């Protein structure tokens, strides 16, 4: 080769390019932040006197991971609040809340996140436990999926929530037999207390973003789609943190921002979305997506289903979940957004919500013709078999959160019994979606669950949670390792319209992750033990593990 020397040369290990024409290489050269060659010994000719040579030592190099559905600022902020993750013991929750309150005597409100519904009968914690820990200050703690909040009596009192308070249209106040609020607020009811929580400052949000970025880079993530910018309906707005970081250069990741669709409004909000798209697109930040939350979650019976939930006795109830937006209106809104070149990012968890989202994409395609808007549906817990082929037909991407496709108490005790056997077998149908020709992207929904892509890959392949020896959950829906890694790289890059990332072909941006081993060489049961040793964005190293 007679080309100019490379800035970086990786050699000595397997390189997964995600290029169908040349899937594997053993050497890769980078110049000016771009891949200039991927191949074998011939690539070593690009080494010059100033080339940094990275010996892979048998470790796997692949494109940087991309998270297609994450709440990075929220996750980063929560890392600095009362953290209830990593346990399901109610006594440990109380201990942590008390310890956090004692360590922060000046805080007006005790806030945090991470409790699990499986810790409490029916998934409903009561205010009494929190009252014992913090009787004098209000407490507001979101659960790990962020669709419910646990509050103490002081918080209920400040919000004026009593037995006479009606449920909001988009949520529910959990009550005892006498109608008295128990201390758990579901979905839109969270805002009754959440609106009183002191707002985060701009400095809080920026610190949260930078804290999150450091963590995500350490997991090999080089780009992501934040699923909630310009929030309303009780959700915070982290947009200023992203814009500040994009302008001052501290945003090293590439971020697509999904602008929140206020479900209490209609098409009249579209001009504001256009203004935000222009104002919040700068440098590594592009806000070209609109997030529509069409339903809730199955564990609290707000995910929208085509047939009713069952009760504890196995009998049909009168509840089929909540469609937050009328399906006819959804068709209209998505068609209008598509015509304006917005991508639509749907939260669609129940099979009715999935169908309504696909119907809306179909309406947009019929009205506007084919457009490169790359709409995608996230979560996809329950998908009716009739709707599987529609993803390919409509060009709608299936954005999966693989970590949830495993047996755990929340699944086995709070979900399967209330879905019934037929519908429970339609959950997280990754294999069926792949066989039907759908494009698969992947994300974490962090801080709802771990942001580690390798943990998600582990579950996608094994259908068993990391560190557990359970029976596989619907093992016929498992993915092979190559497909799972592709979803976290090429698939998410496609969703993010980052067409020069997600693969390692000449000309692609050198967003790279070096793992600490080659997971193809070990048993599938050990995938989650893999760690990220090095992460690069456009050829610049942004993470080095201590033992790299």
Protein backbone atom coordinates (compact mmCIF):
# COMPACT_ATOMS: atom_id res chain seq x y z
CA UNK A 1 0.00 0.00 0.00
CA UNK A 2 1.21 3.52 -0.78
CA UNK A 3 -1.41 5.51 1.10
CA UNK A 4 -0.58 7.98 3.89
CA UNK A 5 0.14 6.33 7.23
CA UNK A 6 -2.69 5.58 9.61
CA UNK A 7 -3.17 7.38 12.91
CA UNK A 8 -4.37 4.16 14.57
CA UNK A 9 -3.77 0.53 13.69
CA UNK A 10 -5.57 -2.32 15.43
CA UNK A 11 -4.18 -5.80 14.94
CA UNK A 12 -3.73 -9.10 16.69
CA UNK A 13 -7.35 -10.06 17.23
CA UNK A 14 -10.73 -10.64 15.62
CA UNK A 15 -12.50 -7.60 14.14
CA UNK A 16 -16.24 -7.79 13.55
CA UNK A 17 -16.97 -5.26 10.83
CA UNK A 18 -20.77 -5.66 10.45
CA UNK A 19 -20.08 -5.52 6.70
CA UNK A 20 -21.88 -8.34 4.93
CA UNK A 21 -19.25 -8.39 2.19
CA UNK A 22 -16.37 -8.81 4.66
CA UNK A 23 -17.73 -9.69 8.07
CA UNK A 24 -14.40 -10.41 9.76
CA UNK A 25 -10.94 -8.93 9.67
CA UNK A 26 -7.77 -9.09 11.76
CA UNK A 27 -6.39 -5.58 11.16
CA UNK A 28 -8.05 -2.17 10.94
CA UNK A 29 -6.55 1.23 10.15
CA UNK A 30 -7.91 4.65 11.12
CA UNK A 31 -6.95 8.08 9.79
CA UNK A 32 -8.55 11.43 10.64
CA UNK A 33 -11.27 9.70 12.65
CA UNK A 34 -12.34 7.41 9.79
CA UNK A 35 -11.72 3.78 8.92
CA UNK A 36 -9.37 3.65 5.94
CA UNK A 37 -8.84 -0.10 5.68
CA UNK A 38 -10.15 -3.32 7.20
CA UNK A 39 -8.52 -6.60 6.28
CA UNK A 40 -5.57 -8.70 7.30
CA UNK A 41 -1.77 -8.43 7.16
CA UNK A 42 -1.87 -6.08 4.17
CA UNK A 43 -3.40 -3.37 6.38
CA UNK A 44 -0.26 -3.32 8.51
CA UNK A 45 1.51 -1.59 5.61
CA UNK A 46 -0.34 1.57 6.68
CA UNK A 47 1.69 1.78 9.88
CA UNK A 48 4.05 4.75 9.96
CA UNK A 49 6.47 6.17 12.52
CA UNK A 50 3.70 8.06 14.30
CA UNK A 51 0.98 5.40 14.06
CA UNK A 52 -0.40 4.23 17.38
CA UNK A 53 -0.56 0.44 17.18
CA UNK A 54 -3.10 -1.24 19.44
CA UNK A 55 -2.45 -4.92 20.04
CA UNK A 56 -5.86 -6.54 20.48
CA UNK A 57 -4.26 -9.61 22.10
CA UNK A 58 -7.11 -11.80 20.89
CA UNK A 59 -9.80 -9.42 22.12
CA UNK A 60 -12.78 -8.59 19.90
CA UNK A 61 -12.98 -5.20 18.18
CA UNK A 62 -16.39 -4.17 16.85
CA UNK A 63 -18.29 -0.96 16.04
CA UNK A 64 -19.21 1.15 19.05
CA UNK A 65 -22.53 0.20 20.60
CA UNK A 66 -25.53 2.49 20.15
CA UNK A 67 -28.51 2.61 22.50
CA UNK A 68 -31.72 3.25 20.56
CA UNK A 69 -33.82 4.02 23.66
CA UNK A 70 -32.24 5.49 26.77
CA UNK A 71 -32.85 8.32 29.24
CA UNK A 72 -29.25 9.32 29.84
CA UNK A 73 -29.69 12.57 31.77
CA UNK A 74 -32.34 11.01 33.99
CA UNK A 75 -30.05 8.06 34.65
CA UNK A 76 -27.10 10.29 35.41
CA UNK A 77 -29.11 12.46 37.77
CA UNK A 78 -30.45 9.41 39.60
CA UNK A 79 -26.91 8.15 40.15
CA UNK A 80 -26.63 11.09 42.56
CA UNK A 81 -29.98 10.52 44.32
CA UNK A 82 -31.31 7.82 46.66
CA UNK A 83 -30.47 4.67 44.73
CA UNK A 84 -32.72 1.67 45.38
CA UNK A 85 -31.40 -0.54 42.57
CA UNK A 86 -29.64 -3.84 43.16
CA UNK A 87 -32.00 -5.17 45.83
CA UNK A 88 -35.60 -6.32 46.15
CA UNK A 89 -35.67 -6.30 49.97
CA UNK A 90 -38.21 -3.76 51.35
CA UNK A 91 -36.23 -3.45 54.57
CA UNK A 92 -33.14 -2.54 52.55
CA UNK A 93 -35.16 0.10 50.69
CA UNK A 94 -36.15 1.64 54.01
CA UNK A 95 -32.58 1.50 55.29
CA UNK A 96 -31.28 3.28 52.19
CA UNK A 97 -34.00 5.94 52.32
CA UNK A 98 -33.27 6.64 55.98
CA UNK A 99 -29.52 6.73 55.36
CA UNK A 100 -29.91 9.09 52.41
CA UNK A 101 -32.19 11.39 54.40
CA UNK A 102 -29.73 11.43 57.30
CA UNK A 103 -26.85 12.23 54.94
CA UNK A 104 -28.80 15.10 53.33
CA UNK A 105 -30.49 16.96 56.20
CA UNK A 106 -30.89 20.11 54.11
CA UNK A 107 -32.90 18.53 51.30
CA UNK A 108 -36.56 19.55 51.31
CA UNK A 109 -37.58 16.41 49.42
CA UNK A 110 -36.07 12.93 49.43
CA UNK A 111 -36.05 11.72 45.83
CA UNK A 112 -34.69 8.65 44.13
CA UNK A 113 -35.53 5.62 42.08
CA UNK A 114 -35.06 1.92 41.53
CA UNK A 115 -37.53 -0.01 43.68
CA UNK A 116 -39.02 -3.11 42.12
CA UNK A 117 -42.70 -4.00 42.01
CA UNK A 118 -41.87 -7.61 42.86
CA UNK A 119 -40.89 -6.46 46.36
CA UNK A 120 -44.49 -5.76 47.38
CA UNK A 121 -47.78 -7.63 47.31
CA UNK A 122 -49.50 -6.76 44.06
CA UNK A 123 -46.59 -4.50 43.17
CA UNK A 124 -47.99 -1.79 45.46
CA UNK A 125 -45.85 -0.39 48.32
CA UNK A 126 -47.54 1.64 51.04
CA UNK A 127 -46.66 4.95 52.62
CA UNK A 128 -46.30 3.47 56.10
CA UNK A 129 -42.85 2.04 55.40
CA UNK A 130 -41.60 5.42 54.21
CA UNK A 131 -43.28 7.24 57.08
CA UNK A 132 -41.19 5.16 59.49
CA UNK A 133 -38.01 6.16 57.67
CA UNK A 134 -38.77 9.82 56.96
CA UNK A 135 -41.83 11.15 58.79
CA UNK A 136 -41.13 14.87 58.52
CA UNK A 137 -40.15 15.45 54.88
CA UNK A 138 -41.89 14.39 51.67
CA UNK A 139 -40.51 11.34 49.87
CA UNK A 140 -40.97 10.65 46.14
CA UNK A 141 -39.38 7.49 44.73
CA UNK A 142 -40.01 6.22 41.20
CA UNK A 143 -39.90 2.51 40.55
CA UNK A 144 -37.36 0.89 38.25
CA UNK A 145 -39.61 1.21 35.19
CA UNK A 146 -40.53 4.84 36.03
CA UNK A 147 -44.23 4.21 35.51
CA UNK A 148 -45.07 4.36 39.20
CA UNK A 149 -44.06 6.35 42.28
CA UNK A 150 -43.92 5.44 45.97
CA UNK A 151 -44.62 8.36 48.30
CA UNK A 152 -44.98 8.92 52.01
CA UNK A 153 -47.87 10.48 53.90
CA UNK A 154 -46.22 13.90 53.98
CA UNK A 155 -46.05 13.93 50.16
CA UNK A 156 -49.72 12.91 49.88
CA UNK A 157 -50.63 15.65 52.34
CA UNK A 158 -48.72 18.34 50.46
CA UNK A 159 -50.39 17.29 47.20
CA UNK A 160 -53.83 17.27 48.79
CA UNK A 161 -54.44 13.66 47.77
CA UNK A 162 -57.26 12.10 49.78
CA UNK A 163 -59.92 9.42 49.35
CA UNK A 164 -61.98 12.02 47.44
CA UNK A 165 -59.26 12.80 44.88
CA UNK A 166 -60.29 11.42 41.47
CA UNK A 167 -57.90 9.40 39.36
CA UNK A 168 -56.50 11.37 36.44
CA UNK A 169 -57.52 10.16 32.99
CA UNK A 170 -54.04 8.80 32.29
CA UNK A 171 -53.22 7.25 35.64
CA UNK A 172 -54.35 5.69 38.91
CA UNK A 173 -54.06 6.34 42.63
CA UNK A 174 -53.74 2.98 44.36
CA UNK A 175 -56.25 2.80 47.23
CA UNK A 176 -57.29 0.58 50.09
CA UNK A 177 -60.81 -0.88 50.45
CA UNK A 178 -61.93 2.37 52.07
CA UNK A 179 -60.66 4.45 49.16
CA UNK A 180 -57.79 5.92 51.16
CA UNK A 181 -54.61 6.36 49.04
CA UNK A 182 -52.03 3.72 49.86
CA UNK A 183 -48.90 5.59 48.77
CA UNK A 184 -48.43 4.32 45.19
CA UNK A 185 -49.22 6.47 42.17
CA UNK A 186 -49.38 4.94 38.69
CA UNK A 187 -48.63 6.65 35.35
CA UNK A 188 -50.23 10.11 35.08
CA UNK A 189 -51.08 10.11 38.79
CA UNK A 190 -47.37 10.44 39.50
CA UNK A 191 -47.58 14.07 38.43
CA UNK A 192 -49.94 14.88 41.32
CA UNK A 193 -46.92 14.70 43.61
CA UNK A 194 -44.13 14.92 41.06
CA UNK A 195 -45.17 18.46 40.14
CA UNK A 196 -44.31 19.55 43.68
CA UNK A 197 -40.79 18.11 43.72
CA UNK A 198 -38.24 20.95 43.50
CA UNK A 199 -37.09 21.27 39.94
CA UNK A 200 -33.59 20.24 39.01
CA UNK A 201 -31.25 23.09 38.20
CA UNK A 202 -29.46 23.43 34.88
CA UNK A 203 -26.25 22.51 36.70
CA UNK A 204 -27.90 19.34 38.07
CA UNK A 205 -28.96 18.28 34.60
CA UNK A 206 -25.58 18.97 33.01
CA UNK A 207 -23.77 17.08 35.77
CA UNK A 208 -26.18 14.20 35.25
CA UNK A 209 -25.48 14.12 31.51
CA UNK A 210 -21.71 14.12 31.96
CA UNK A 211 -21.96 11.44 34.66
CA UNK A 212 -24.10 9.35 32.32
CA UNK A 213 -21.80 9.88 29.33
CA UNK A 214 -18.81 8.63 31.29
CA UNK A 215 -20.72 5.50 32.30
CA UNK A 216 -22.08 4.84 28.80
CA UNK A 217 -18.65 5.27 27.20
CA UNK A 218 -17.27 2.77 29.72
CA UNK A 219 -19.83 0.29 28.35
CA UNK A 220 -18.69 0.82 24.75
CA UNK A 221 -21.59 3.12 23.83
CA UNK A 222 -20.65 5.84 21.38
CA UNK A 223 -24.10 7.14 20.35
CA UNK A 224 -27.64 6.96 21.62
CA UNK A 225 -31.20 8.13 21.16
CA UNK A 226 -32.55 9.88 24.24
CA UNK A 227 -36.20 8.92 24.36
CA UNK A 228 -37.50 11.99 26.19
CA UNK A 229 -36.43 15.53 25.45
CA UNK A 230 -38.59 18.62 25.97
CA UNK A 231 -40.69 16.58 28.40
CA UNK A 232 -44.13 17.31 29.83
CA UNK A 233 -46.89 15.18 31.39
CA UNK A 234 -44.87 15.17 34.60
CA UNK A 235 -41.54 14.25 32.99
CA UNK A 236 -38.49 16.55 33.28
CA UNK A 237 -36.86 18.24 30.32
CA UNK A 238 -33.10 17.57 29.97
CA UNK A 239 -32.76 19.47 26.69
CA UNK A 240 -30.68 22.32 28.07
CA UNK A 241 -28.01 19.92 29.34
CA UNK A 242 -27.58 18.41 25.89
CA UNK A 243 -27.51 21.78 24.16
CA UNK A 244 -24.95 23.18 26.60
CA UNK A 245 -22.71 20.12 26.21
CA UNK A 246 -23.06 20.17 22.41
CA UNK A 247 -22.06 23.82 22.31
CA UNK A 248 -19.10 23.64 24.70
CA UNK A 249 -17.72 20.40 23.26
CA UNK A 250 -18.20 18.26 26.36
CA UNK A 251 -20.71 16.07 24.49
CA UNK A 252 -18.42 13.43 23.01
CA UNK A 253 -21.20 10.98 22.12
CA UNK A 254 -23.52 11.50 19.17
CA UNK A 255 -27.08 11.95 20.40
CA UNK A 256 -30.44 11.91 18.67
CA UNK A 257 -33.05 13.59 20.83
CA UNK A 258 -36.64 12.34 20.73
CA UNK A 259 -38.91 15.33 21.40
CA UNK A 260 -41.81 14.48 23.69
CA UNK A 261 -45.34 14.48 22.26
CA UNK A 262 -47.59 16.02 24.93
CA UNK A 263 -50.51 13.63 25.06
CA UNK A 264 -52.89 16.26 26.39
CA UNK A 265 -52.42 18.29 23.21
CA UNK A 266 -52.99 17.63 19.53
CA UNK A 267 -51.57 18.77 16.22
CA UNK A 268 -51.32 22.33 17.52
CA UNK A 269 -48.00 21.37 19.20
CA UNK A 270 -46.30 20.58 15.86
CA UNK A 271 -45.03 24.15 15.24
CA UNK A 272 -43.32 24.04 18.65
CA UNK A 273 -41.73 20.71 17.74
CA UNK A 274 -40.37 22.23 14.54
CA UNK A 275 -38.91 25.14 16.53
CA UNK A 276 -37.31 22.71 19.00
CA UNK A 277 -35.87 20.62 16.19
CA UNK A 278 -34.09 23.68 14.85
CA UNK A 279 -33.03 25.09 18.23
CA UNK A 280 -31.84 21.78 19.71
CA UNK A 281 -29.78 20.60 16.74
CA UNK A 282 -26.15 21.56 17.18
CA UNK A 283 -22.89 19.73 16.68
CA UNK A 284 -23.23 16.16 17.96
CA UNK A 285 -26.88 16.72 18.94
CA UNK A 286 -29.76 16.28 16.49
CA UNK A 287 -33.40 16.47 17.61
CA UNK A 288 -35.13 15.05 14.57
CA UNK A 289 -37.40 12.52 16.31
CA UNK A 290 -40.74 12.77 18.12
CA UNK A 291 -41.50 10.37 20.96
CA UNK A 292 -45.11 9.23 21.30
CA UNK A 293 -45.99 7.19 24.36
CA UNK A 294 -49.00 5.17 23.29
CA UNK A 295 -49.52 3.02 26.40
CA UNK A 296 -48.16 2.12 29.81
CA UNK A 297 -46.70 -1.11 31.18
CA UNK A 298 -48.10 -4.57 31.75
CA UNK A 299 -47.23 -4.86 35.43
CA UNK A 300 -49.69 -2.15 36.44
CA UNK A 301 -52.22 -3.13 33.74
CA UNK A 302 -51.84 0.08 31.73
CA UNK A 303 -50.21 -1.49 28.64
CA UNK A 304 -52.85 -1.45 25.89
CA UNK A 305 -53.99 -4.98 24.99
CA UNK A 306 -56.35 -6.31 22.34
CA UNK A 307 -58.22 -8.30 25.01
CA UNK A 308 -58.79 -7.73 28.74
CA UNK A 309 -56.33 -8.53 31.49
CA UNK A 310 -57.20 -11.43 33.74
CA UNK A 311 -57.75 -11.21 37.48
CA UNK A 312 -56.03 -13.33 40.12
CA UNK A 313 -58.59 -16.09 39.52
CA UNK A 314 -57.94 -16.18 35.79
CA UNK A 315 -61.20 -14.49 34.79
CA UNK A 316 -61.38 -11.62 32.31
CA UNK A 317 -61.59 -8.14 33.81
CA UNK A 318 -63.05 -5.01 32.28
CA UNK A 319 -59.59 -3.51 31.78
CA UNK A 320 -57.60 -3.76 28.54
CA UNK A 321 -55.10 -1.03 29.41
CA UNK A 322 -54.77 2.57 28.27
CA UNK A 323 -54.24 3.97 24.78
CA UNK A 324 -52.96 7.42 25.66
CA UNK A 325 -53.79 8.79 22.21
CA UNK A 326 -56.95 7.99 20.29
CA UNK A 327 -55.96 5.72 17.38
CA UNK A 328 -57.65 7.89 14.77
CA UNK A 329 -55.86 10.96 16.07
CA UNK A 330 -52.60 9.01 16.19
CA UNK A 331 -52.91 8.29 12.46
CA UNK A 332 -53.37 12.00 11.82
CA UNK A 333 -50.46 13.09 14.00
CA UNK A 334 -47.97 10.55 12.65
CA UNK A 335 -48.93 11.37 9.07
CA UNK A 336 -48.30 15.07 9.73
CA UNK A 337 -44.97 14.41 11.47
CA UNK A 338 -43.83 12.06 8.73
CA UNK A 339 -44.59 14.71 6.09
CA UNK A 340 -42.27 17.06 8.00
CA UNK A 341 -39.45 14.48 8.00
CA UNK A 342 -39.74 13.70 11.68
CA UNK A 343 -38.95 10.18 12.77
CA UNK A 344 -41.56 8.87 15.22
CA UNK A 345 -40.34 6.83 18.18
CA UNK A 346 -43.28 4.95 19.70
CA UNK A 347 -43.53 3.55 23.20
CA UNK A 348 -45.67 0.52 22.31
CA UNK A 349 -45.71 -2.26 24.86
CA UNK A 350 -49.06 -4.06 24.63
CA UNK A 351 -50.29 -5.73 21.46
CA UNK A 352 -53.04 -3.13 20.93
CA UNK A 353 -50.55 -0.28 21.22
CA UNK A 354 -48.21 -2.06 18.79
CA UNK A 355 -51.08 -2.44 16.31
CA UNK A 356 -52.14 1.19 16.73
CA UNK A 357 -48.57 2.37 16.13
CA UNK A 358 -48.23 0.20 13.02
CA UNK A 359 -51.60 1.45 11.78
CA UNK A 360 -50.33 5.01 12.17
CA UNK A 361 -47.17 4.24 10.20
CA UNK A 362 -49.34 2.62 7.52
CA UNK A 363 -51.53 5.73 7.35
CA UNK A 364 -48.45 7.92 6.96
CA UNK A 365 -47.05 5.72 4.20
CA UNK A 366 -50.39 5.77 2.38
CA UNK A 367 -50.65 9.56 2.58
CA UNK A 368 -47.02 10.57 2.06
CA UNK A 369 -45.49 7.71 0.13
CA UNK A 370 -42.14 6.15 1.06
CA UNK A 371 -39.94 8.48 3.09
CA UNK A 372 -36.65 7.89 4.88
CA UNK A 373 -38.13 8.66 8.29
CA UNK A 374 -37.26 5.27 9.85
CA UNK A 375 -40.06 5.14 12.42
CA UNK A 376 -39.46 2.67 15.22
CA UNK A 377 -41.46 0.95 17.93
CA UNK A 378 -39.79 0.41 21.30
CA UNK A 379 -40.42 -2.21 24.00
CA UNK A 380 -42.73 -4.58 22.09
CA UNK A 381 -43.52 -6.77 25.08
CA UNK A 382 -46.62 -8.32 23.54
CA UNK A 383 -46.95 -8.49 19.74
CA UNK A 384 -49.93 -10.17 18.12
CA UNK A 385 -48.70 -12.76 15.57
CA UNK A 386 -50.78 -11.08 12.84
CA UNK A 387 -48.68 -7.93 13.22
CA UNK A 388 -45.22 -9.50 12.95
CA UNK A 389 -44.95 -9.25 9.12
CA UNK A 390 -46.13 -5.65 9.13
CA UNK A 391 -42.78 -4.37 10.43
CA UNK A 392 -41.02 -5.41 7.23
CA UNK A 393 -43.91 -4.37 5.00
CA UNK A 394 -44.04 -0.88 6.52
CA UNK A 395 -40.32 -0.38 7.05
CA UNK A 396 -40.88 0.03 10.80
CA UNK A 397 -37.93 -0.93 12.99
CA UNK A 398 -38.40 -3.12 16.07
CA UNK A 399 -36.42 -1.57 18.92
CA UNK A 400 -36.00 -4.24 21.56
CA UNK A 401 -35.01 -4.07 25.23
CA UNK A 402 -33.59 -7.59 25.57
CA UNK A 403 -32.94 -7.52 29.32
CA UNK A 404 -36.66 -7.83 30.00
CA UNK A 405 -37.05 -11.12 28.09
CA UNK A 406 -36.28 -13.37 31.05
CA UNK A 407 -37.99 -15.12 33.92
CA UNK A 408 -38.00 -12.99 37.06
CA UNK A 409 -40.61 -12.33 39.74
CA UNK A 410 -41.98 -9.27 37.94
CA UNK A 411 -42.59 -11.44 34.89
CA UNK A 412 -43.69 -14.64 36.61
CA UNK A 413 -45.81 -13.13 39.38
CA UNK A 414 -47.03 -9.77 38.08
CA UNK A 415 -47.36 -10.35 34.35
CA UNK A 416 -47.86 -13.91 33.07
CA UNK A 417 -50.82 -14.78 35.35
CA UNK A 418 -52.69 -11.68 34.20
CA UNK A 419 -52.01 -12.18 30.48
CA UNK A 420 -53.03 -15.81 30.21
CA UNK A 421 -51.04 -18.57 28.45
CA UNK A 422 -51.73 -17.64 24.81
CA UNK A 423 -50.89 -13.96 25.16
CA UNK A 424 -47.97 -14.63 27.51
CA UNK A 425 -46.39 -16.68 24.70
CA UNK A 426 -46.39 -13.59 22.45
CA UNK A 427 -43.92 -11.71 24.67
CA UNK A 428 -40.65 -10.27 23.38
CA UNK A 429 -40.80 -12.18 20.07
CA UNK A 430 -37.29 -11.28 18.90
CA UNK A 431 -36.82 -14.44 16.87
CA UNK A 432 -40.21 -14.16 15.18
CA UNK A 433 -39.56 -10.52 14.31
CA UNK A 434 -36.21 -11.44 12.78
CA UNK A 435 -37.72 -14.32 10.82
CA UNK A 436 -40.47 -11.98 9.58
CA UNK A 437 -37.81 -9.68 8.12
CA UNK A 438 -37.96 -6.83 10.65
CA UNK A 439 -34.94 -4.60 11.20
CA UNK A 440 -33.89 -5.02 14.84
CA UNK A 441 -32.40 -2.18 16.87
CA UNK A 442 -31.66 -2.43 20.58
CA UNK A 443 -31.65 -0.26 23.66
CA UNK A 444 -31.73 -0.39 27.42
CA UNK A 445 -34.32 2.13 28.62
CA UNK A 446 -31.76 2.99 31.33
CA UNK A 447 -32.34 3.93 34.14
CA UNK A 448 -35.27 1.50 33.96
CA UNK A 449 -32.74 -1.31 33.54
CA UNK A 450 -28.98 -1.74 33.16
CA UNK A 451 -27.43 0.25 30.31
CA UNK A 452 -24.82 -2.48 29.66
CA UNK A 453 -25.28 -3.68 26.05
CA UNK A 454 -23.45 -6.92 26.80
CA UNK A 455 -25.99 -7.79 29.47
CA UNK A 456 -28.72 -7.16 26.91
CA UNK A 457 -26.91 -9.33 24.37
CA UNK A 458 -26.60 -12.07 26.99
CA UNK A 459 -30.36 -12.17 27.51
CA UNK A 460 -31.14 -11.89 23.80
CA UNK A 461 -29.03 -15.02 23.21
CA UNK A 462 -29.82 -17.01 26.36
CA UNK A 463 -33.29 -15.68 27.33
CA UNK A 464 -31.99 -15.89 30.92
CA UNK A 465 -30.98 -12.92 33.09
CA UNK A 466 -27.25 -12.54 33.83
CA UNK A 467 -26.21 -14.40 36.95
CA UNK A 468 -29.34 -16.52 37.10
CA UNK A 469 -29.81 -20.20 36.37
CA UNK A 470 -33.51 -20.02 35.49
CA UNK A 471 -35.14 -21.91 32.67
CA UNK A 472 -34.99 -19.88 29.45
CA UNK A 473 -37.95 -17.60 28.77
CA UNK A 474 -39.57 -18.62 25.46
CA UNK A 475 -36.25 -19.95 24.11
CA UNK A 476 -37.61 -20.16 20.57
CA UNK A 477 -37.36 -16.35 20.48
CA UNK A 478 -33.61 -16.28 21.19
CA UNK A 479 -31.19 -14.58 18.81
CA UNK A 480 -27.74 -15.77 17.81
CA UNK A 481 -24.78 -13.74 19.07
CA UNK A 482 -24.04 -12.09 15.73
CA UNK A 483 -27.63 -10.89 15.32
CA UNK A 484 -27.78 -9.58 18.89
CA UNK A 485 -24.55 -7.61 18.47
CA UNK A 486 -25.79 -6.29 15.12
CA UNK A 487 -28.94 -4.94 16.77
CA UNK A 488 -26.80 -2.92 19.22
CA UNK A 489 -24.54 -1.60 16.43
CA UNK A 490 -25.75 -1.55 12.83
CA UNK A 491 -29.45 -1.74 13.78
CA UNK A 492 -29.39 1.15 16.20
CA UNK A 493 -27.16 3.16 13.86
CA UNK A 494 -29.84 2.73 11.19
CA UNK A 495 -32.54 3.98 13.56
CA UNK A 496 -30.36 6.94 14.46
CA UNK A 497 -29.74 7.85 10.79
CA UNK A 498 -26.02 7.55 11.55
CA UNK A 499 -25.24 5.77 8.33
CA UNK A 500 -21.47 6.16 8.60
CA UNK A 501 -21.45 4.32 11.94
CA UNK A 502 -22.52 0.89 13.13
CA UNK A 503 -20.05 -0.85 10.81
CA UNK A 504 -16.32 -0.74 10.11
CA UNK A 505 -16.05 -0.24 6.36
CA UNK A 506 -13.60 2.16 4.74
CA UNK A 507 -15.06 5.66 5.11
CA UNK A 508 -17.04 4.86 8.25
CA UNK A 509 -16.47 6.92 11.36
CA UNK A 510 -14.11 5.16 13.73
CA UNK A 511 -16.54 4.68 16.61
CA UNK A 512 -15.12 1.53 18.15
CA UNK A 513 -15.34 -0.77 21.16
CA UNK A 514 -12.64 -3.24 22.18
CA UNK A 515 -13.93 -5.97 24.47
CA UNK A 516 -11.78 -7.69 27.07
CA UNK A 517 -12.24 -11.05 25.30
CA UNK A 518 -13.86 -12.62 22.28
CA UNK A 519 -17.34 -13.74 23.41
CA UNK A 520 -17.60 -16.02 20.36
CA UNK A 521 -14.83 -18.16 21.89
CA UNK A 522 -16.67 -18.82 25.15
CA UNK A 523 -19.95 -20.39 26.16
CA UNK A 524 -23.12 -18.37 25.60
CA UNK A 525 -23.78 -18.55 29.34
CA UNK A 526 -20.68 -16.38 29.93
CA UNK A 527 -21.48 -13.51 27.55
CA UNK A 528 -22.45 -11.19 30.43
CA UNK A 529 -18.98 -11.60 31.95
CA UNK A 530 -17.52 -9.69 29.00
CA UNK A 531 -16.40 -6.12 29.69
CA UNK A 532 -15.33 -3.20 27.52
CA UNK A 533 -11.61 -2.44 27.57
CA UNK A 534 -11.41 0.54 25.20
CA UNK A 535 -13.91 2.90 23.58
CA UNK A 536 -13.21 5.33 20.72
CA UNK A 537 -15.33 8.07 19.16
CA UNK A 538 -14.14 9.19 15.73
CA UNK A 539 -10.75 7.65 16.50
CA UNK A 540 -10.35 9.44 19.84
CA UNK A 541 -10.18 7.28 22.93
CA UNK A 542 -12.93 8.17 25.40
CA UNK A 543 -12.64 5.21 27.78
CA UNK A 544 -9.81 3.02 29.00
CA UNK A 545 -10.54 0.27 31.51
CA UNK A 546 -8.05 0.02 34.39
CA UNK A 547 -6.75 -3.35 33.16
CA UNK A 548 -6.84 -2.50 29.44
